[in-house]
Amino acid sequence: MDRFNAMRVFTRIVELGGFAKAAESLHIPRASVTILIKQLEAHLGVQLLQRTTRQVSTTPDGKAYYLRCVSLLADLDDAEA
């Protein structure tokens, strides 16, 4: 699993409010997004997202991880610019 890609997918889910919207914006299948998030959660050993049939929200661990990801990805983008 590419952790930076997983972080980008995770942050997009949080920002857009759902797996389908994130998949569409990233031009990847929704199933790939679901698998990637499951792998990320297994790797970290925590649940990042609370899923219902109508919405997705962050868990407390997910909120903390989101804030770290945003910072790390911004630094990565700056380094590559």
Protein backbone atom coordinates (compact mmCIF):
# COMPACT_ATOMS: atom_id res chain seq x y z
CA MET A 1 0.00 0.00 0.00
CA ASP A 2 1.29 3.43 -0.96
CA ARG A 3 0.75 5.35 2.26
CA PHE A 4 0.82 8.79 0.63
CA ASN A 5 -1.83 7.70 -1.87
CA ALA A 6 -3.88 6.26 0.99
CA MET A 7 -3.59 9.58 2.83
CA ARG A 8 -4.75 11.48 -0.25
CA VAL A 9 -7.75 9.19 -0.67
CA PHE A 10 -8.60 9.41 3.03
CA THR A 11 -8.41 13.21 3.08
CA ARG A 12 -10.56 13.42 -0.04
CA ILE A 13 -13.24 11.22 1.57
CA VAL A 14 -13.29 13.47 4.62
CA GLU A 15 -13.37 16.67 2.57
CA LEU A 16 -16.07 15.53 0.15
CA GLY A 17 -18.10 13.57 2.68
CA GLY A 18 -18.20 10.19 1.03
CA PHE A 19 -16.49 7.32 -0.74
CA ALA A 20 -18.35 7.75 -4.04
CA LYS A 21 -17.58 11.47 -4.31
CA ALA A 22 -13.93 10.85 -3.46
CA ALA A 23 -13.67 8.07 -6.02
CA GLU A 24 -15.24 10.24 -8.69
CA SER A 25 -12.94 13.19 -7.97
CA LEU A 26 -9.87 10.94 -8.02
CA HIS A 27 -11.03 9.05 -11.13
CA ILE A 28 -10.76 5.64 -9.47
CA PRO A 29 -13.38 2.95 -8.81
CA ARG A 30 -15.36 3.23 -5.57
CA ALA A 31 -14.37 -0.35 -4.74
CA SER A 32 -10.70 0.65 -4.88
CA VAL A 33 -11.35 3.47 -2.42
CA THR A 34 -13.13 1.09 -0.05
CA ILE A 35 -10.33 -1.47 -0.20
CA LEU A 36 -7.65 1.17 0.29
CA ILE A 37 -9.35 2.60 3.38
CA LYS A 38 -9.83 -0.88 4.86
CA GLN A 39 -6.11 -1.56 4.30
CA LEU A 40 -5.16 1.78 5.84
CA GLU A 41 -7.31 1.15 8.91
CA ALA A 42 -5.83 -2.34 9.28
CA HIS A 43 -2.30 -0.95 8.92
CA LEU A 44 -2.93 1.72 11.57
CA GLY A 45 -4.96 -0.58 13.80
CA VAL A 46 -7.74 1.98 14.26
CA GLN A 47 -11.06 2.82 12.67
CA LEU A 48 -10.75 6.16 10.90
CA LEU A 49 -14.24 6.54 9.51
CA GLN A 50 -17.70 5.88 10.87
CA ARG A 51 -19.84 4.64 8.00
CA THR A 52 -23.61 4.62 7.72
CA THR A 53 -25.77 4.07 4.66
CA ARG A 54 -26.15 7.82 4.23
CA GLN A 55 -22.98 9.46 5.50
CA VAL A 56 -19.36 9.11 6.47
CA SER A 57 -17.82 10.88 9.44
CA THR A 58 -14.47 10.72 11.16
CA THR A 59 -13.90 8.92 14.41
CA PRO A 60 -11.78 10.75 17.01
CA ASP A 61 -8.75 8.82 15.70
CA GLY A 62 -9.80 9.67 12.16
CA LYS A 63 -10.00 13.38 12.94
CA ALA A 64 -6.51 13.37 14.46
CA TYR A 65 -5.14 11.37 11.51
CA TYR A 66 -6.85 13.71 9.04
CA LEU A 67 -5.18 16.76 10.56
CA ARG A 68 -1.77 15.05 10.39
CA CYS A 69 -2.37 13.95 6.80
CA VAL A 70 -3.31 17.45 5.67
CA SER A 71 -0.09 18.82 7.13
CA LEU A 72 2.09 16.04 5.72
CA LEU A 73 0.55 16.22 2.26
CA ALA A 74 0.97 20.00 2.16
CA ASP A 75 4.64 19.58 3.07
CA LEU A 76 5.03 16.90 0.40
CA ASP A 77 3.41 19.11 -2.24
CA ASP A 78 5.70 21.99 -1.25
CA ALA A 79 8.77 19.76 -1.48
CA GLU A 80 7.77 18.61 -4.96
CA ALA A 81 7.05 22.13 -6.23
